[in-house]
Each structure stands twice: as C-alpha cells, then as structure tokens.
Amino acid sequence: MPLQILDSEDDPGRLRLVGDLDLHTAEAATDVILAKCDRPELSLDLSDLDFMDSSGVRVVLRAFKAVSSNGGSFALLSPNPTVRRIIDLLGLQANGVVVRDTNEAGS
C-alpha cells in the first residue's frame, strides 16, 4: 500500500503515517518528515502504519536525530503490534526514542 503522510488538523507537530514505510516510500517520506523537523515537537502517529522495514526505521531515526539536534522532542505514537515489535527488537526506546499509545498522548 502506498504511504500517505497527513498533517494533523489539531496538532501542527503531529504527522500521521498511513500505509507502508518501506524501500519504495522511504525517500519521499524522508523529504516530507525532515521538512517538519525544525518544530520544537514532532510526533509520528503510526496507528495506521501497516508495515515498516529497515528503510522505514532509517527514516524514523533521521527524524529523531534532526529534531533532537534542534533541542526538540520526538515521539512515535500508537504503533500497531507488528511495527511495535520492530521498534522493540531494535531497541529504539533504549536509545531515546519515545513511544506512546494514543491514550497516553492525550488524543
């Protein structure tokens, strides 16, 4: 499924990813997401992300590093169990990436 990246109408620092974040969509996703990394807060809502491969993980890590280097905060919101497993296996939280469920995020 092609990836869509949607701006939140309620929260300008939140992007919702819908579909697959993989080799075929990573380059375009990087361009869109990195363009938003100058914000003090950036959250990627992963609740509708069906699949993420290593290319997608690289996109997430680049965004995390860009936001963090600007002194901002970065979070991944509500990954489904498949995407959450990838996040857990790679130890992203142990390296500073915040992962929250939507109900914890106040949405």
PDB file of N, CA and C in Angstrom:
ATOM      1  N   MET A   1       0.848  -1.184   0.000  1.00  0.00           N
ATOM      2  CA  MET A   1       0.000   0.000   0.000  1.00  0.00           C
ATOM      3  C   MET A   1       0.891   1.244   0.000  1.00  0.00           C
ATOM      4  N   PRO A   2       0.616   2.205  -0.858  1.00  0.00           N
ATOM      5  CA  PRO A   2       1.408   3.444  -0.870  1.00  0.00           C
ATOM      6  C   PRO A   2       1.294   4.173   0.469  1.00  0.00           C
ATOM      7  N   LEU A   3       2.316   4.922   0.781  1.00  0.00           N
ATOM      8  CA  LEU A   3       2.344   5.669   2.037  1.00  0.00           C
ATOM      9  C   LEU A   3       1.714   7.036   1.847  1.00  0.00           C
ATOM     10  N   GLN A   4       0.912   7.420   2.817  1.00  0.00           N
ATOM     11  CA  GLN A   4       0.385   8.780   2.894  1.00  0.00           C
ATOM     12  C   GLN A   4       0.892   9.380   4.197  1.00  0.00           C
ATOM     13  N   ILE A   5       1.278  10.639   4.139  1.00  0.00           N
ATOM     14  CA  ILE A   5       1.691  11.360   5.337  1.00  0.00           C
ATOM     15  C   ILE A   5       0.756  12.544   5.472  1.00  0.00           C
ATOM     16  N   LEU A   6      -0.022  12.527   6.542  1.00  0.00           N
ATOM     17  CA  LEU A   6      -1.069  13.525   6.724  1.00  0.00           C
ATOM     18  C   LEU A   6      -0.745  14.428   7.908  1.00  0.00           C
ATOM     19  N   ASP A   7      -0.890  15.727   7.693  1.00  0.00           N
ATOM     20  CA  ASP A   7      -0.760  16.685   8.792  1.00  0.00           C
ATOM     21  C   ASP A   7      -1.992  16.601   9.664  1.00  0.00           C
ATOM     22  N   SER A   8      -1.790  16.728  10.957  1.00  0.00           N
ATOM     23  CA  SER A   8      -2.907  16.763  11.889  1.00  0.00           C
ATOM     24  C   SER A   8      -3.531  18.148  11.862  1.00  0.00           C
ATOM     25  N   GLU A   9      -4.845  18.204  11.806  1.00  0.00           N
ATOM     26  CA  GLU A   9      -5.527  19.500  11.835  1.00  0.00           C
ATOM     27  C   GLU A   9      -5.475  20.111  13.231  1.00  0.00           C
ATOM     28  N   ASP A  10      -5.430  19.256  14.256  1.00  0.00           N
ATOM     29  CA  ASP A  10      -5.454  19.726  15.643  1.00  0.00           C
ATOM     30  C   ASP A  10      -4.073  20.012  16.213  1.00  0.00           C
ATOM     31  N   ASP A  11      -3.040  19.384  15.651  1.00  0.00           N
ATOM     32  CA  ASP A  11      -1.704  19.470  16.226  1.00  0.00           C
ATOM     33  C   ASP A  11      -0.676  19.625  15.105  1.00  0.00           C
ATOM     34  N   PRO A  12      -0.136  20.821  14.914  1.00  0.00           N
ATOM     35  CA  PRO A  12       0.809  21.037  13.813  1.00  0.00           C
ATOM     36  C   PRO A  12       2.109  20.253  13.953  1.00  0.00           C
ATOM     37  N   GLY A  13       2.399  19.718  15.126  1.00  0.00           N
ATOM     38  CA  GLY A  13       3.598  18.945  15.343  1.00  0.00           C
ATOM     39  C   GLY A  13       3.389  17.446  15.219  1.00  0.00           C
ATOM     40  N   ARG A  14       2.273  17.072  14.605  1.00  0.00           N
ATOM     41  CA  ARG A  14       1.931  15.646  14.507  1.00  0.00           C
ATOM     42  C   ARG A  14       1.674  15.259  13.056  1.00  0.00           C
ATOM     43  N   LEU A  15       2.343  14.203  12.620  1.00  0.00           N
ATOM     44  CA  LEU A  15       2.139  13.656  11.282  1.00  0.00           C
ATOM     45  C   LEU A  15       1.598  12.239  11.414  1.00  0.00           C
ATOM     46  N   ARG A  16       0.595  11.912  10.624  1.00  0.00           N
ATOM     47  CA  ARG A  16       0.029  10.557  10.640  1.00  0.00           C
ATOM     48  C   ARG A  16       0.499   9.818   9.400  1.00  0.00           C
ATOM     49  N   LEU A  17       1.123   8.664   9.616  1.00  0.00           N
ATOM     50  CA  LEU A  17       1.611   7.844   8.515  1.00  0.00           C
ATOM     51  C   LEU A  17       0.612   6.722   8.265  1.00  0.00           C
ATOM     52  N   VAL A  18       0.188   6.594   7.009  1.00  0.00           N
ATOM     53  CA  VAL A  18      -0.820   5.602   6.628  1.00  0.00           C
ATOM     54  C   VAL A  18      -0.251   4.757   5.496  1.00  0.00           C
ATOM     55  N   GLY A  19      -0.251   3.430   5.674  1.00  0.00           N
ATOM     56  CA  GLY A  19       0.223   2.535   4.624  1.00  0.00           C
ATOM     57  C   GLY A  19       1.518   1.856   5.011  1.00  0.00           C
ATOM     58  N   ASP A  20       2.455   1.786   4.070  1.00  0.00           N
ATOM     59  CA  ASP A  20       3.724   1.090   4.267  1.00  0.00           C
ATOM     60  C   ASP A  20       4.902   2.058   4.174  1.00  0.00           C
ATOM     61  N   LEU A  21       5.779   1.994   5.156  1.00  0.00           N
ATOM     62  CA  LEU A  21       7.012   2.776   5.144  1.00  0.00           C
ATOM     63  C   LEU A  21       8.137   1.791   4.850  1.00  0.00           C
ATOM     64  N   ASP A  22       8.518   1.729   3.575  1.00  0.00           N
ATOM     65  CA  ASP A  22       9.486   0.721   3.139  1.00  0.00           C
ATOM     66  C   ASP A  22      10.422   1.312   2.090  1.00  0.00           C
ATOM     67  N   LEU A  23      11.191   0.461   1.457  1.00  0.00           N
ATOM     68  CA  LEU A  23      12.169   0.897   0.469  1.00  0.00           C
ATOM     69  C   LEU A  23      11.550   1.775  -0.613  1.00  0.00           C
ATOM     70  N   HIS A  24      10.325   1.473  -0.997  1.00  0.00           N
ATOM     71  CA  HIS A  24       9.673   2.202  -2.087  1.00  0.00           C
ATOM     72  C   HIS A  24       9.148   3.573  -1.674  1.00  0.00           C
ATOM     73  N   THR A  25       8.917   3.762  -0.389  1.00  0.00           N
ATOM     74  CA  THR A  25       8.323   5.018   0.071  1.00  0.00           C
ATOM     75  C   THR A  25       9.259   5.849   0.961  1.00  0.00           C
ATOM     76  N   ALA A  26      10.388   5.276   1.339  1.00  0.00           N
ATOM     77  CA  ALA A  26      11.263   5.921   2.328  1.00  0.00           C
ATOM     78  C   ALA A  26      11.824   7.262   1.864  1.00  0.00           C
ATOM     79  N   GLU A  27      12.249   7.355   0.620  1.00  0.00           N
ATOM     80  CA  GLU A  27      12.859   8.598   0.152  1.00  0.00           C
ATOM     81  C   GLU A  27      11.870   9.767   0.205  1.00  0.00           C
ATOM     82  N   ALA A  28      10.670   9.550  -0.307  1.00  0.00           N
ATOM     83  CA  ALA A  28       9.653  10.607  -0.270  1.00  0.00           C
ATOM     84  C   ALA A  28       9.253  10.922   1.163  1.00  0.00           C
ATOM     85  N   ALA A  29       9.147   9.892   1.995  1.00  0.00           N
ATOM     86  CA  ALA A  29       8.789  10.104   3.398  1.00  0.00           C
ATOM     87  C   ALA A  29       9.857  10.925   4.106  1.00  0.00           C
ATOM     88  N   THR A  30      11.112  10.633   3.831  1.00  0.00           N
ATOM     89  CA  THR A  30      12.213  11.383   4.436  1.00  0.00           C
ATOM     90  C   THR A  30      12.097  12.863   4.098  1.00  0.00           C
ATOM     91  N   ASP A  31      11.847  13.171   2.839  1.00  0.00           N
ATOM     92  CA  ASP A  31      11.725  14.571   2.417  1.00  0.00           C
ATOM     93  C   ASP A  31      10.610  15.284   3.176  1.00  0.00           C
ATOM     94  N   VAL A  32       9.444  14.645   3.270  1.00  0.00           N
ATOM     95  CA  VAL A  32       8.287  15.271   3.935  1.00  0.00           C
ATOM     96  C   VAL A  32       8.544  15.420   5.428  1.00  0.00           C
ATOM     97  N   ILE A  33       9.019  14.358   6.053  1.00  0.00           N
ATOM     98  CA  ILE A  33       9.194  14.377   7.507  1.00  0.00           C
ATOM     99  C   ILE A  33      10.327  15.312   7.912  1.00  0.00           C
ATOM    100  N   LEU A  34      11.457  15.276   7.223  1.00  0.00           N
ATOM    101  CA  LEU A  34      12.571  16.150   7.595  1.00  0.00           C
ATOM    102  C   LEU A  34      12.218  17.622   7.425  1.00  0.00           C
ATOM    103  N   ALA A  35      11.307  17.935   6.524  1.00  0.00           N
ATOM    104  CA  ALA A  35      10.869  19.318   6.347  1.00  0.00           C
ATOM    105  C   ALA A  35      10.127  19.831   7.586  1.00  0.00           C
ATOM    106  N   LYS A  36       9.652  18.931   8.427  1.00  0.00           N
ATOM    107  CA  LYS A  36       8.909  19.305   9.639  1.00  0.00           C
ATOM    108  C   LYS A  36       9.775  19.248  10.896  1.00  0.00           C
ATOM    109  N   CYS A  37      11.026  18.865  10.775  1.00  0.00           N
ATOM    110  CA  CYS A  37      11.879  18.627  11.934  1.00  0.00           C
ATOM    111  C   CYS A  37      12.403  19.884  12.611  1.00  0.00           C
ATOM    112  N   ASP A  38      12.075  21.051  12.089  1.00  0.00           N
ATOM    113  CA  ASP A  38      12.510  22.286  12.742  1.00  0.00           C
ATOM    114  C   ASP A  38      11.536  22.704  13.842  1.00  0.00           C
ATOM    115  N   ARG A  39      10.478  21.942  14.027  1.00  0.00           N
ATOM    116  CA  ARG A  39       9.489  22.241  15.070  1.00  0.00           C
ATOM    117  C   ARG A  39      10.022  21.814  16.436  1.00  0.00           C
ATOM    118  N   PRO A  40       9.539  22.463  17.512  1.00  0.00           N
ATOM    119  CA  PRO A  40      10.009  22.077  18.848  1.00  0.00           C
ATOM    120  C   PRO A  40       9.520  20.687  19.264  1.00  0.00           C
ATOM    121  N   GLU A  41       8.422  20.238  18.672  1.00  0.00           N
ATOM    122  CA  GLU A  41       7.888  18.908  18.959  1.00  0.00           C
ATOM    123  C   GLU A  41       7.436  18.283  17.651  1.00  0.00           C
ATOM    124  N   LEU A  42       7.775  17.006  17.482  1.00  0.00           N
ATOM    125  CA  LEU A  42       7.294  16.265  16.322  1.00  0.00           C
ATOM    126  C   LEU A  42       6.896  14.875  16.776  1.00  0.00           C
ATOM    127  N   SER A  43       5.669  14.508  16.462  1.00  0.00           N
ATOM    128  CA  SER A  43       5.159  13.172  16.753  1.00  0.00           C
ATOM    129  C   SER A  43       4.747  12.524  15.455  1.00  0.00           C
ATOM    130  N   LEU A  44       5.130  11.251  15.299  1.00  0.00           N
ATOM    131  CA  LEU A  44       4.692  10.470  14.153  1.00  0.00           C
ATOM    132  C   LEU A  44       3.638   9.484  14.641  1.00  0.00           C
ATOM    133  N   ASP A  45       2.404   9.684  14.197  1.00  0.00           N
ATOM    134  CA  ASP A  45       1.302   8.799  14.558  1.00  0.00           C
ATOM    135  C   ASP A  45       1.386   7.575  13.651  1.00  0.00           C
ATOM    136  N   LEU A  46       1.692   6.433  14.233  1.00  0.00           N
ATOM    137  CA  LEU A  46       1.888   5.203  13.473  1.00  0.00           C
ATOM    138  C   LEU A  46       0.689   4.254  13.570  1.00  0.00           C
ATOM    139  N   SER A  47      -0.420   4.736  14.083  1.00  0.00           N
ATOM    140  CA  SER A  47      -1.581   3.862  14.295  1.00  0.00           C
ATOM    141  C   SER A  47      -2.118   3.267  12.999  1.00  0.00           C
ATOM    142  N   ASP A  48      -1.903   3.929  11.868  1.00  0.00           N
ATOM    143  CA  ASP A  48      -2.372   3.417  10.579  1.00  0.00           C
ATOM    144  C   ASP A  48      -1.217   2.978   9.676  1.00  0.00           C
ATOM    145  N   LEU A  49      -0.031   2.821  10.263  1.00  0.00           N
ATOM    146  CA  LEU A  49       1.104   2.317   9.508  1.00  0.00           C
ATOM    147  C   LEU A  49       1.036   0.796   9.527  1.00  0.00           C
ATOM    148  N   ASP A  50       0.885   0.204   8.353  1.00  0.00           N
ATOM    149  CA  ASP A  50       0.713  -1.246   8.253  1.00  0.00           C
ATOM    150  C   ASP A  50       2.027  -2.007   8.310  1.00  0.00           C
ATOM    151  N   PHE A  51       3.096  -1.404   7.790  1.00  0.00           N
ATOM    152  CA  PHE A  51       4.366  -2.118   7.657  1.00  0.00           C
ATOM    153  C   PHE A  51       5.514  -1.130   7.681  1.00  0.00           C
ATOM    154  N   MET A  52       6.623  -1.538   8.296  1.00  0.00           N
ATOM    155  CA  MET A  52       7.831  -0.730   8.276  1.00  0.00           C
ATOM    156  C   MET A  52       9.030  -1.672   8.186  1.00  0.00           C
ATOM    157  N   ASP A  53       9.891  -1.442   7.195  1.00  0.00           N
ATOM    158  CA  ASP A  53      11.111  -2.237   7.073  1.00  0.00           C
ATOM    159  C   ASP A  53      12.307  -1.397   7.525  1.00  0.00           C
ATOM    160  N   SER A  54      13.516  -1.893   7.267  1.00  0.00           N
ATOM    161  CA  SER A  54      14.710  -1.183   7.721  1.00  0.00           C
ATOM    162  C   SER A  54      14.838   0.208   7.097  1.00  0.00           C
ATOM    163  N   SER A  55      14.328   0.381   5.893  1.00  0.00           N
ATOM    164  CA  SER A  55      14.333   1.711   5.267  1.00  0.00           C
ATOM    165  C   SER A  55      13.458   2.670   6.057  1.00  0.00           C
ATOM    166  N   GLY A  56      12.337   2.172   6.529  1.00  0.00           N
ATOM    167  CA  GLY A  56      11.444   2.982   7.356  1.00  0.00           C
ATOM    168  C   GLY A  56      12.058   3.332   8.692  1.00  0.00           C
ATOM    169  N   VAL A  57      12.765   2.371   9.273  1.00  0.00           N
ATOM    170  CA  VAL A  57      13.450   2.629  10.535  1.00  0.00           C
ATOM    171  C   VAL A  57      14.477   3.747  10.349  1.00  0.00           C
ATOM    172  N   ARG A  58      15.184   3.737   9.238  1.00  0.00           N
ATOM    173  CA  ARG A  58      16.157   4.799   8.951  1.00  0.00           C
ATOM    174  C   ARG A  58      15.476   6.157   8.877  1.00  0.00           C
ATOM    175  N   VAL A  59      14.280   6.211   8.276  1.00  0.00           N
ATOM    176  CA  VAL A  59      13.527   7.466   8.204  1.00  0.00           C
ATOM    177  C   VAL A  59      13.223   7.962   9.616  1.00  0.00           C
ATOM    178  N   VAL A  60      12.738   7.063  10.456  1.00  0.00           N
ATOM    179  CA  VAL A  60      12.396   7.417  11.837  1.00  0.00           C
ATOM    180  C   VAL A  60      13.637   7.909  12.582  1.00  0.00           C
ATOM    181  N   LEU A  61      14.743   7.207  12.440  1.00  0.00           N
ATOM    182  CA  LEU A  61      15.962   7.608  13.140  1.00  0.00           C
ATOM    183  C   LEU A  61      16.506   8.950  12.646  1.00  0.00           C
ATOM    184  N   ARG A  62      16.415   9.199  11.355  1.00  0.00           N
ATOM    185  CA  ARG A  62      16.858  10.500  10.828  1.00  0.00           C
ATOM    186  C   ARG A  62      16.011  11.629  11.396  1.00  0.00           C
ATOM    187  N   ALA A  63      14.691  11.400  11.473  1.00  0.00           N
ATOM    188  CA  ALA A  63      13.801  12.418  12.034  1.00  0.00           C
ATOM    189  C   ALA A  63      14.108  12.639  13.515  1.00  0.00           C
ATOM    190  N   PHE A  64      14.286  11.550  14.246  1.00  0.00           N
ATOM    191  CA  PHE A  64      14.617  11.643  15.670  1.00  0.00           C
ATOM    192  C   PHE A  64      15.891  12.460  15.873  1.00  0.00           C
ATOM    193  N   LYS A  65      16.933  12.162  15.104  1.00  0.00           N
ATOM    194  CA  LYS A  65      18.199  12.871  15.232  1.00  0.00           C
ATOM    195  C   LYS A  65      18.060  14.341  14.857  1.00  0.00           C
ATOM    196  N   ALA A  66      17.285  14.632  13.810  1.00  0.00           N
ATOM    197  CA  ALA A  66      17.105  16.020  13.382  1.00  0.00           C
ATOM    198  C   ALA A  66      16.357  16.834  14.431  1.00  0.00           C
ATOM    199  N   VAL A  67      15.287  16.284  14.968  1.00  0.00           N
ATOM    200  CA  VAL A  67      14.512  17.001  15.988  1.00  0.00           C
ATOM    201  C   VAL A  67      15.348  17.166  17.254  1.00  0.00           C
ATOM    202  N   SER A  68      16.020  16.101  17.668  1.00  0.00           N
ATOM    203  CA  SER A  68      16.828  16.144  18.890  1.00  0.00           C
ATOM    204  C   SER A  68      17.973  17.135  18.771  1.00  0.00           C
ATOM    205  N   SER A  69      18.593  17.195  17.607  1.00  0.00           N
ATOM    206  CA  SER A  69      19.718  18.123  17.433  1.00  0.00           C
ATOM    207  C   SER A  69      19.270  19.578  17.503  1.00  0.00           C
ATOM    208  N   ASN A  70      17.988  19.827  17.260  1.00  0.00           N
ATOM    209  CA  ASN A  70      17.429  21.176  17.384  1.00  0.00           C
ATOM    210  C   ASN A  70      16.888  21.440  18.784  1.00  0.00           C
ATOM    211  N   GLY A  71      17.083  20.469  19.702  1.00  0.00           N
ATOM    212  CA  GLY A  71      16.602  20.634  21.072  1.00  0.00           C
ATOM    213  C   GLY A  71      15.133  20.313  21.237  1.00  0.00           C
ATOM    214  N   GLY A  72      14.521  19.707  20.228  1.00  0.00           N
ATOM    215  CA  GLY A  72      13.096  19.393  20.291  1.00  0.00           C
ATOM    216  C   GLY A  72      12.816  18.007  20.836  1.00  0.00           C
ATOM    217  N   SER A  73      11.529  17.714  20.978  1.00  0.00           N
ATOM    218  CA  SER A  73      11.119  16.390  21.444  1.00  0.00           C
ATOM    219  C   SER A  73      10.470  15.627  20.300  1.00  0.00           C
ATOM    220  N   PHE A  74      10.662  14.325  20.307  1.00  0.00           N
ATOM    221  CA  PHE A  74      10.217  13.446  19.230  1.00  0.00           C
ATOM    222  C   PHE A  74       9.544  12.231  19.845  1.00  0.00           C
ATOM    223  N   ALA A  75       8.418  11.815  19.257  1.00  0.00           N
ATOM    224  CA  ALA A  75       7.712  10.635  19.765  1.00  0.00           C
ATOM    225  C   ALA A  75       7.065   9.864  18.624  1.00  0.00           C
ATOM    226  N   LEU A  76       6.967   8.570  18.831  1.00  0.00           N
ATOM    227  CA  LEU A  76       6.202   7.687  17.948  1.00  0.00           C
ATOM    228  C   LEU A  76       4.926   7.331  18.692  1.00  0.00           C
ATOM    229  N   LEU A  77       3.797   7.496  18.032  1.00  0.00           N
ATOM    230  CA  LEU A  77       2.513   7.288  18.686  1.00  0.00           C
ATOM    231  C   LEU A  77       1.796   6.064  18.141  1.00  0.00           C
ATOM    232  N   SER A  78       1.337   5.219  19.035  1.00  0.00           N
ATOM    233  CA  SER A  78       0.434   4.103  18.768  1.00  0.00           C
ATOM    234  C   SER A  78       0.827   3.172  17.629  1.00  0.00           C
ATOM    235  N   PRO A  79       2.052   2.663  17.638  1.00  0.00           N
ATOM    236  CA  PRO A  79       2.380   1.690  16.595  1.00  0.00           C
ATOM    237  C   PRO A  79       1.564   0.419  16.785  1.00  0.00           C
ATOM    238  N   ASN A  80       1.155  -0.201  15.669  1.00  0.00           N
ATOM    239  CA  ASN A  80       0.434  -1.472  15.774  1.00  0.00           C
ATOM    240  C   ASN A  80       1.410  -2.533  16.281  1.00  0.00           C
ATOM    241  N   PRO A  81       0.928  -3.716  16.658  1.00  0.00           N
ATOM    242  CA  PRO A  81       1.823  -4.737  17.230  1.00  0.00           C
ATOM    243  C   PRO A  81       2.995  -5.127  16.326  1.00  0.00           C
ATOM    244  N   THR A  82       2.804  -5.177  15.022  1.00  0.00           N
ATOM    245  CA  THR A  82       3.884  -5.542  14.110  1.00  0.00           C
ATOM    246  C   THR A  82       4.974  -4.480  14.103  1.00  0.00           C
ATOM    247  N   VAL A  83       4.580  -3.235  13.970  1.00  0.00           N
ATOM    248  CA  VAL A  83       5.549  -2.130  13.960  1.00  0.00           C
ATOM    249  C   VAL A  83       6.174  -1.981  15.345  1.00  0.00           C
ATOM    250  N   ARG A  84       5.384  -2.158  16.383  1.00  0.00           N
ATOM    251  CA  ARG A  84       5.907  -2.069  17.761  1.00  0.00           C
ATOM    252  C   ARG A  84       6.990  -3.122  17.987  1.00  0.00           C
ATOM    253  N   ARG A  85       6.807  -4.303  17.438  1.00  0.00           N
ATOM    254  CA  ARG A  85       7.800  -5.374  17.594  1.00  0.00           C
ATOM    255  C   ARG A  85       9.135  -4.957  16.967  1.00  0.00           C
ATOM    256  N   ILE A  86       9.088  -4.327  15.815  1.00  0.00           N
ATOM    257  CA  ILE A  86      10.313  -3.844  15.164  1.00  0.00           C
ATOM    258  C   ILE A  86      11.001  -2.803  16.051  1.00  0.00           C
ATOM    259  N   ILE A  87      10.206  -1.878  16.574  1.00  0.00           N
ATOM    260  CA  ILE A  87      10.736  -0.831  17.456  1.00  0.00           C
ATOM    261  C   ILE A  87      11.397  -1.460  18.677  1.00  0.00           C
ATOM    262  N   ASP A  88      10.727  -2.459  19.257  1.00  0.00           N
ATOM    263  CA  ASP A  88      11.268  -3.121  20.449  1.00  0.00           C
ATOM    264  C   ASP A  88      12.522  -3.927  20.133  1.00  0.00           C
ATOM    265  N   LEU A  89      12.495  -4.680  19.030  1.00  0.00           N
ATOM    266  CA  LEU A  89      13.656  -5.506  18.668  1.00  0.00           C
ATOM    267  C   LEU A  89      14.905  -4.662  18.415  1.00  0.00           C
ATOM    268  N   LEU A  90      14.725  -3.487  17.858  1.00  0.00           N
ATOM    269  CA  LEU A  90      15.850  -2.623  17.552  1.00  0.00           C
ATOM    270  C   LEU A  90      16.279  -1.754  18.737  1.00  0.00           C
ATOM    271  N   GLY A  91      15.503  -1.787  19.806  1.00  0.00           N
ATOM    272  CA  GLY A  91      15.871  -1.029  20.994  1.00  0.00           C
ATOM    273  C   GLY A  91      15.801   0.474  20.818  1.00  0.00           C
ATOM    274  N   LEU A  92      14.862   0.936  20.015  1.00  0.00           N
ATOM    275  CA  LEU A  92      14.782   2.374  19.772  1.00  0.00           C
ATOM    276  C   LEU A  92      14.505   3.157  21.051  1.00  0.00           C
ATOM    277  N   GLN A  93      13.673   2.614  21.933  1.00  0.00           N
ATOM    278  CA  GLN A  93      13.380   3.321  23.174  1.00  0.00           C
ATOM    279  C   GLN A  93      14.620   3.426  24.060  1.00  0.00           C
ATOM    280  N   ALA A  94      15.425   2.391  24.081  1.00  0.00           N
ATOM    281  CA  ALA A  94      16.652   2.416  24.883  1.00  0.00           C
ATOM    282  C   ALA A  94      17.625   3.475  24.370  1.00  0.00           C
ATOM    283  N   ASN A  95      17.432   3.903  23.132  1.00  0.00           N
ATOM    284  CA  ASN A  95      18.292   4.919  22.536  1.00  0.00           C
ATOM    285  C   ASN A  95      17.634   6.291  22.496  1.00  0.00           C
ATOM    286  N   GLY A  96      16.548   6.470  23.245  1.00  0.00           N
ATOM    287  CA  GLY A  96      15.955   7.786  23.411  1.00  0.00           C
ATOM    288  C   GLY A  96      14.682   8.075  22.653  1.00  0.00           C
ATOM    289  N   VAL A  97      14.243   7.179  21.772  1.00  0.00           N
ATOM    290  CA  VAL A  97      13.001   7.409  21.035  1.00  0.00           C
ATOM    291  C   VAL A  97      11.821   7.122  21.960  1.00  0.00           C
ATOM    292  N   VAL A  98      10.947   8.091  22.135  1.00  0.00           N
ATOM    293  CA  VAL A  98       9.765   7.940  22.974  1.00  0.00           C
ATOM    294  C   VAL A  98       8.672   7.263  22.154  1.00  0.00           C
ATOM    295  N   VAL A  99       8.056   6.231  22.744  1.00  0.00           N
ATOM    296  CA  VAL A  99       6.944   5.530  22.100  1.00  0.00           C
ATOM    297  C   VAL A  99       5.775   5.561  23.070  1.00  0.00           C
ATOM    298  N   ARG A 100       4.626   6.074  22.603  1.00  0.00           N
ATOM    299  CA  ARG A 100       3.444   6.179  23.454  1.00  0.00           C
ATOM    300  C   ARG A 100       2.216   5.651  22.725  1.00  0.00           C
ATOM    301  N   ASP A 101       1.291   5.144  23.501  1.00  0.00           N
ATOM    302  CA  ASP A 101      -0.016   4.814  22.943  1.00  0.00           C
ATOM    303  C   ASP A 101      -0.818   6.095  22.840  1.00  0.00           C
ATOM    304  N   THR A 102      -1.768   6.146  21.917  1.00  0.00           N
ATOM    305  CA  THR A 102      -2.547   7.361  21.705  1.00  0.00           C
ATOM    306  C   THR A 102      -3.205   7.848  22.984  1.00  0.00           C
ATOM    307  N   ASN A 103      -3.760   6.927  23.777  1.00  0.00           N
ATOM    308  CA  ASN A 103      -4.426   7.363  25.004  1.00  0.00           C
ATOM    309  C   ASN A 103      -3.433   8.007  25.971  1.00  0.00           C
ATOM    310  N   GLU A 104      -2.147   7.624  25.923  1.00  0.00           N
ATOM    311  CA  GLU A 104      -1.120   8.279  26.748  1.00  0.00           C
ATOM    312  C   GLU A 104      -0.764   9.641  26.190  1.00  0.00           C
ATOM    313  N   ALA A 105      -0.950   9.814  24.865  1.00  0.00           N
ATOM    314  CA  ALA A 105      -0.565  11.069  24.210  1.00  0.00           C
ATOM    315  C   ALA A 105      -1.617  12.147  24.386  1.00  0.00           C
ATOM    316  N   GLY A 106      -2.753  11.793  24.977  1.00  0.00           N
ATOM    317  CA  GLY A 106      -3.795  12.781  25.181  1.00  0.00           C
ATOM    318  C   GLY A 106      -4.660  12.997  23.966  1.00  0.00           C
ATOM    319  N   SER A 107      -4.709  12.021  23.059  1.00  0.00           N
ATOM    320  CA  SER A 107      -5.526  12.157  21.861  1.00  0.00           C
ATOM    321  C   SER A 107      -6.647  11.183  21.868  1.00  0.00           C
TER     322      SER A 107
END
